[in-house]
Protein backbone atom coordinates (compact mmCIF):
# COMPACT_ATOMS: atom_id res chain seq x y z
CA MET A 1 131.66 136.27 168.38
CA VAL A 2 132.49 139.44 166.44
CA TYR A 3 130.27 142.48 166.82
CA ALA A 4 129.43 145.35 164.48
CA THR A 5 128.41 148.61 166.03
CA SER A 6 124.76 149.38 165.43
CA LEU A 7 121.69 150.45 167.31
CA GLY A 8 119.84 147.14 167.71
CA VAL A 9 121.06 146.42 171.20
CA VAL A 10 119.63 149.64 172.66
CA MET A 11 116.34 148.71 171.03
CA ALA A 12 116.44 145.34 172.75
CA VAL A 13 117.29 146.99 176.07
CA SER A 14 114.44 149.47 175.68
CA ALA A 15 112.04 146.68 174.78
CA CYS A 16 112.98 144.96 178.05
CA GLY A 17 111.92 148.04 180.00
CA HIS A 18 115.44 149.15 180.89
CA THR A 19 116.75 152.69 180.79
CA ILE A 20 119.85 154.30 179.32
CA ASP A 21 122.23 155.86 181.85
CA GLY A 22 119.61 155.52 184.59
CA SER A 23 117.03 157.85 183.03
CA ALA A 24 113.76 156.90 181.39
CA VAL A 25 113.91 157.05 177.60
CA ALA A 26 111.24 159.38 176.27
CA ALA A 27 111.03 159.84 172.50
CA GLU A 28 110.65 163.37 171.20
CA ALA A 29 109.43 164.56 167.80
CA ASN A 30 112.20 164.68 165.18
CA THR A 31 110.50 167.35 163.12
CA THR A 32 112.47 170.12 164.81
CA VAL A 33 115.35 167.95 166.04
CA ALA A 34 114.58 168.45 169.71
CA ASN A 35 116.80 169.98 172.38
CA ASN A 36 118.88 172.21 170.08
CA TRP A 37 120.30 169.39 167.96
CA LYS A 38 121.24 170.45 164.46
CA SER A 39 119.89 168.11 161.78
CA PRO A 40 122.21 165.12 161.51
CA GLN A 41 121.16 164.40 157.91
CA GLY A 42 124.15 163.71 155.68
CA THR A 43 127.18 161.44 155.67
CA TRP A 44 129.40 160.97 158.74
CA ILE A 45 132.77 159.19 158.51
CA GLY A 46 134.99 157.88 161.31
CA THR A 47 135.62 154.90 163.55
CA TYR A 48 134.19 152.88 166.41
CA GLU A 49 135.70 150.56 169.01
CA CYS A 50 134.38 147.04 169.40
CA SER A 51 135.57 143.51 170.11
CA GLN A 52 137.06 143.22 166.60
CA GLY A 53 139.15 146.36 167.26
CA THR A 54 139.05 149.81 165.69
CA THR A 55 136.68 149.64 162.73
CA GLY A 56 135.82 152.11 159.96
CA LEU A 57 132.30 153.53 160.04
CA THR A 58 130.26 155.55 157.58
CA LEU A 59 126.88 156.59 158.99
CA THR A 60 124.55 158.00 156.34
CA VAL A 61 121.53 159.77 157.84
CA GLN A 62 119.11 159.59 154.93
CA SER A 63 115.93 161.20 156.30
CA GLU A 64 114.32 162.43 159.50
CA THR A 65 114.06 158.84 160.79
CA HIS A 66 116.29 156.55 158.69
CA ALA A 67 120.04 155.97 158.49
CA GLU A 68 122.48 153.40 157.13
CA PHE A 69 125.45 152.00 159.07
CA ASP A 70 128.41 150.83 156.92
CA PHE A 71 131.44 149.23 158.63
CA TYR A 72 134.75 148.15 157.13
CA ALA A 73 138.43 147.35 157.72
CA LEU A 74 141.04 150.06 158.29
CA PRO A 75 144.76 149.84 157.40
CA GLU A 76 145.59 149.33 161.09
CA ASN A 77 142.96 146.54 161.39
CA PRO A 78 142.75 144.84 157.97
CA THR A 79 140.97 141.64 159.05
CA VAL A 80 137.63 143.30 159.83
CA LEU A 81 134.85 142.22 157.49
CA SER A 82 132.60 144.77 155.75
CA GLY A 83 128.86 144.99 156.26
CA ARG A 84 125.83 147.29 156.27
CA PHE A 85 122.46 147.62 157.94
CA HIS A 86 119.52 149.99 158.15
CA MET A 87 118.88 152.04 161.26
CA ARG A 88 116.15 154.25 162.65
CA TRP A 89 117.03 157.30 164.71
CA GLN A 90 115.34 159.81 166.97
CA VAL A 91 116.11 162.26 169.75
CA GLU A 92 115.64 160.71 173.20
CA SER A 93 116.36 162.48 176.47
CA GLY A 94 118.43 165.09 174.62
CA ARG A 95 120.60 162.55 172.78
CA LEU A 96 120.56 161.18 169.24
CA VAL A 97 119.76 157.48 169.45
CA PHE A 98 120.33 155.24 166.41
CA ARG A 99 118.79 151.74 166.55
CA GLN A 100 119.45 148.85 164.21
CA SER A 101 116.64 147.91 161.89
CA ALA A 102 117.62 145.29 159.27
CA TRP A 103 120.72 143.87 157.65
CA ILE A 104 121.61 144.90 154.10
CA ASP A 105 124.84 142.89 154.00
CA ARG A 106 125.67 140.72 157.04
CA PRO A 107 129.18 139.25 157.23
CA GLY A 108 129.43 135.99 159.13
CA SER A 109 128.37 136.13 162.77
CA TYR A 110 128.54 139.94 163.15
CA VAL A 111 125.61 141.43 165.07
CA MET A 112 124.05 144.88 165.03
CA VAL A 113 124.36 147.28 167.99
CA ASP A 114 123.10 150.81 168.80
CA LEU A 115 124.67 154.27 168.90
CA VAL A 116 123.89 157.01 171.41
CA ALA A 117 125.38 160.36 170.43
CA ASP A 118 126.28 162.91 173.05
CA ARG A 119 124.64 166.33 172.74
CA THR A 120 126.91 168.90 171.14
CA ASP A 121 126.67 172.28 169.44
CA SER A 122 129.02 171.05 166.70
CA THR A 123 127.61 170.58 163.22
CA THR A 124 130.76 168.79 162.04
CA THR A 125 131.43 166.10 164.68
CA LEU A 126 129.35 163.38 166.27
CA SER A 127 130.54 161.04 169.03
CA GLY A 128 129.20 158.89 171.80
CA GLN A 129 128.63 155.36 173.02
CA VAL A 130 128.24 152.12 171.12
CA ILE A 131 125.74 150.04 173.05
CA GLY A 132 126.17 146.27 173.14
CA GLY A 133 128.54 143.52 172.18
CA GLY A 134 131.48 144.71 174.24
CA CYS A 135 131.70 147.91 172.19
CA THR A 136 132.61 151.27 173.67
CA THR A 137 132.75 154.52 171.67
CA PHE A 138 132.47 156.07 168.21
CA GLN A 139 133.79 159.30 166.68
CA LEU A 140 132.51 160.70 163.37
CA SER A 141 133.08 163.82 161.25
CA ARG A 142 130.56 165.17 158.77
CA ASP A 143 131.61 164.56 155.15
CA VAL A 144 131.49 167.99 153.52
CA SER A 145 132.79 166.93 150.10
């Protein structure tokens, strides 16, 4: 099975009463982007690692709670299919957590997974873990064009 990197798997894990990295997940209000996070709103472009290999990713944070995850082939991995899904995000335990919400364009048997972004003072980079489906990490840069 091929996996797309999205936030749905963390949602499923949370719904089962599990924790992320051994700490309880406590949601915080997004109105001030808790714990010194700068607002992630905007477009972020980069890659993520998953069972299908290195895959292109554009994460568009559209509002204080909604985002869109677009994935696609890269020149070094041209067989990856393209797809998109909606996500919801919030700050949890000092990290940005993006959870899958609903498919916009689902290719074949791809599944959605979650993203957990490491805390950083950077306003131009975002990186962290892809949760689920044998995925590992993602790295994104803010699109300033």
